[in-house]
Amino acid sequence: MNSIKGIDMMDSNKDYKKWSKSTEKDGWCKKIEVKEIENGYLVCLEEYGEKDGEYKESYKKYYSQTNPLDGMKPDEVSGTNELESAIKNFLDY
């Protein structure tokens, strides 16, 4: 018979950093949040608000080896093509 045993995880004292930026224009909000993780960065892009009389929202998560908000200039953003395009679109908003 197989059994699952609990594993005690070592508690890390590492402080993970977080960066964010948000903007609102004509009732439409865009937010980008970058969280440091063990092997890179978790990039979360969120958009929400009212368009055409209807509430809409979108939420996407990406992995990046580098911090895409480092410098925060659209022409210096790095990452996968989809992530790079999404961040440039956000920063140009």
C-alpha atoms as a PDB file:
ATOM      1  CA  MET A   1       0.000   0.000   0.000  1.00  0.00           C
ATOM      2  CA  ASN A   2       1.329   3.428  -0.948  1.00  0.00           C
ATOM      3  CA  SER A   3       1.127   6.306   1.473  1.00  0.00           C
ATOM      4  CA  ILE A   4       1.847   9.983   1.220  1.00  0.00           C
ATOM      5  CA  LYS A   5       4.078  11.458   3.878  1.00  0.00           C
ATOM      6  CA  GLY A   6       4.246  15.113   4.835  1.00  0.00           C
ATOM      7  CA  ILE A   7       7.486  16.893   4.020  1.00  0.00           C
ATOM      8  CA  ASP A   8       8.758  19.706   6.194  1.00  0.00           C
ATOM      9  CA  MET A   9       9.886  22.522   3.914  1.00  0.00           C
ATOM     10  CA  MET A  10      12.771  24.710   4.974  1.00  0.00           C
ATOM     11  CA  ASP A  11      11.552  28.215   5.631  1.00  0.00           C
ATOM     12  CA  SER A  12      13.411  30.648   3.413  1.00  0.00           C
ATOM     13  CA  ASN A  13      14.126  34.122   4.712  1.00  0.00           C
ATOM     14  CA  LYS A  14      14.378  35.497   1.188  1.00  0.00           C
ATOM     15  CA  ASP A  15      12.361  38.640   0.593  1.00  0.00           C
ATOM     16  CA  TYR A  16      10.771  38.505  -2.840  1.00  0.00           C
ATOM     17  CA  LYS A  17      10.366  41.854  -4.557  1.00  0.00           C
ATOM     18  CA  LYS A  18       7.300  43.114  -6.382  1.00  0.00           C
ATOM     19  CA  TRP A  19       6.833  45.926  -8.912  1.00  0.00           C
ATOM     20  CA  SER A  20       3.567  47.282 -10.279  1.00  0.00           C
ATOM     21  CA  LYS A  21       2.164  49.999 -12.458  1.00  0.00           C
ATOM     22  CA  SER A  22      -1.420  50.873 -13.262  1.00  0.00           C
ATOM     23  CA  THR A  23      -3.201  53.391 -15.403  1.00  0.00           C
ATOM     24  CA  GLU A  24      -6.781  54.385 -16.157  1.00  0.00           C
ATOM     25  CA  LYS A  25      -8.160  56.104 -19.226  1.00  0.00           C
ATOM     26  CA  ASP A  26     -11.834  56.672 -20.061  1.00  0.00           C
ATOM     27  CA  GLY A  27     -13.002  54.110 -17.509  1.00  0.00           C
ATOM     28  CA  TRP A  28     -10.599  51.386 -18.753  1.00  0.00           C
ATOM     29  CA  CYS A  29      -7.939  50.242 -16.269  1.00  0.00           C
ATOM     30  CA  LYS A  30      -4.679  48.460 -17.034  1.00  0.00           C
ATOM     31  CA  LYS A  31      -2.396  47.008 -14.389  1.00  0.00           C
ATOM     32  CA  ILE A  32       0.919  45.207 -14.653  1.00  0.00           C
ATOM     33  CA  GLU A  33       2.509  43.465 -11.698  1.00  0.00           C
ATOM     34  CA  VAL A  34       5.893  41.738 -11.668  1.00  0.00           C
ATOM     35  CA  LYS A  35       6.720  39.377  -8.814  1.00  0.00           C
ATOM     36  CA  GLU A  36      10.157  37.927  -8.223  1.00  0.00           C
ATOM     37  CA  ILE A  37      10.102  34.106  -8.017  1.00  0.00           C
ATOM     38  CA  GLU A  38      12.826  31.500  -7.511  1.00  0.00           C
ATOM     39  CA  ASN A  39      13.808  31.168 -11.175  1.00  0.00           C
ATOM     40  CA  GLY A  40      12.800  34.530 -12.660  1.00  0.00           C
ATOM     41  CA  TYR A  41       9.706  36.705 -12.599  1.00  0.00           C
ATOM     42  CA  LEU A  42       5.954  36.185 -12.712  1.00  0.00           C
ATOM     43  CA  VAL A  43       4.355  38.886 -14.850  1.00  0.00           C
ATOM     44  CA  CYS A  44       0.606  39.511 -14.386  1.00  0.00           C
ATOM     45  CA  LEU A  45      -1.304  41.718 -16.812  1.00  0.00           C
ATOM     46  CA  GLU A  46      -4.828  42.797 -15.937  1.00  0.00           C
ATOM     47  CA  GLU A  47      -7.299  44.949 -17.870  1.00  0.00           C
ATOM     48  CA  TYR A  48     -10.820  45.796 -16.804  1.00  0.00           C
ATOM     49  CA  GLY A  49     -13.546  48.347 -17.146  1.00  0.00           C
ATOM     50  CA  GLU A  50     -16.566  49.277 -19.177  1.00  0.00           C
ATOM     51  CA  LYS A  51     -16.459  49.173 -22.969  1.00  0.00           C
ATOM     52  CA  ASP A  52     -19.467  49.535 -25.228  1.00  0.00           C
ATOM     53  CA  GLY A  53     -21.772  49.650 -22.185  1.00  0.00           C
ATOM     54  CA  GLU A  54     -20.544  46.298 -20.896  1.00  0.00           C
ATOM     55  CA  TYR A  55     -18.063  45.393 -18.144  1.00  0.00           C
ATOM     56  CA  LYS A  56     -15.092  43.413 -19.449  1.00  0.00           C
ATOM     57  CA  GLU A  57     -11.931  42.039 -17.898  1.00  0.00           C
ATOM     58  CA  SER A  58      -8.824  40.160 -18.919  1.00  0.00           C
ATOM     59  CA  TYR A  59      -6.118  38.574 -16.774  1.00  0.00           C
ATOM     60  CA  LYS A  60      -2.955  36.878 -18.075  1.00  0.00           C
ATOM     61  CA  LYS A  61       0.148  35.505 -16.365  1.00  0.00           C
ATOM     62  CA  TYR A  62       3.566  35.070 -17.957  1.00  0.00           C
ATOM     63  CA  TYR A  63       6.981  33.809 -16.897  1.00  0.00           C
ATOM     64  CA  SER A  64      10.048  35.908 -17.703  1.00  0.00           C
ATOM     65  CA  GLN A  65      13.748  35.319 -16.991  1.00  0.00           C
ATOM     66  CA  THR A  66      14.273  39.082 -16.652  1.00  0.00           C
ATOM     67  CA  ASN A  67      12.259  41.843 -14.998  1.00  0.00           C
ATOM     68  CA  PRO A  68      10.344  43.450 -17.883  1.00  0.00           C
ATOM     69  CA  LEU A  69       9.669  46.597 -15.823  1.00  0.00           C
ATOM     70  CA  ASP A  70      13.359  47.278 -15.269  1.00  0.00           C
ATOM     71  CA  GLY A  71      13.703  50.663 -16.963  1.00  0.00           C
ATOM     72  CA  MET A  72       9.984  50.804 -17.856  1.00  0.00           C
ATOM     73  CA  LYS A  73      10.537  52.136 -21.378  1.00  0.00           C
ATOM     74  CA  PRO A  74       8.564  50.485 -24.195  1.00  0.00           C
ATOM     75  CA  ASP A  75      11.598  50.212 -26.515  1.00  0.00           C
ATOM     76  CA  GLU A  76      13.643  48.397 -23.850  1.00  0.00           C
ATOM     77  CA  VAL A  77      11.100  45.727 -22.842  1.00  0.00           C
ATOM     78  CA  SER A  78      12.329  42.149 -23.170  1.00  0.00           C
ATOM     79  CA  GLY A  79      10.607  38.779 -22.989  1.00  0.00           C
ATOM     80  CA  THR A  80       8.698  36.398 -25.213  1.00  0.00           C
ATOM     81  CA  ASN A  81       7.032  37.977 -28.239  1.00  0.00           C
ATOM     82  CA  GLU A  82       3.572  37.814 -26.666  1.00  0.00           C
ATOM     83  CA  LEU A  83       4.777  39.198 -23.329  1.00  0.00           C
ATOM     84  CA  GLU A  84       6.900  41.881 -24.992  1.00  0.00           C
ATOM     85  CA  SER A  85       3.964  42.992 -27.149  1.00  0.00           C
ATOM     86  CA  ALA A  86       1.556  43.041 -24.184  1.00  0.00           C
ATOM     87  CA  ILE A  87       3.903  45.139 -22.026  1.00  0.00           C
ATOM     88  CA  LYS A  88       4.709  47.584 -24.828  1.00  0.00           C
ATOM     89  CA  ASN A  89       0.968  47.978 -25.457  1.00  0.00           C
ATOM     90  CA  PHE A  90       0.449  48.632 -21.762  1.00  0.00           C
ATOM     91  CA  LEU A  91       3.290  51.151 -21.437  1.00  0.00           C
ATOM     92  CA  ASP A  92       2.223  53.027 -24.588  1.00  0.00           C
ATOM     93  CA  TYR A  93      -1.362  53.339 -23.260  1.00  0.00           C
END
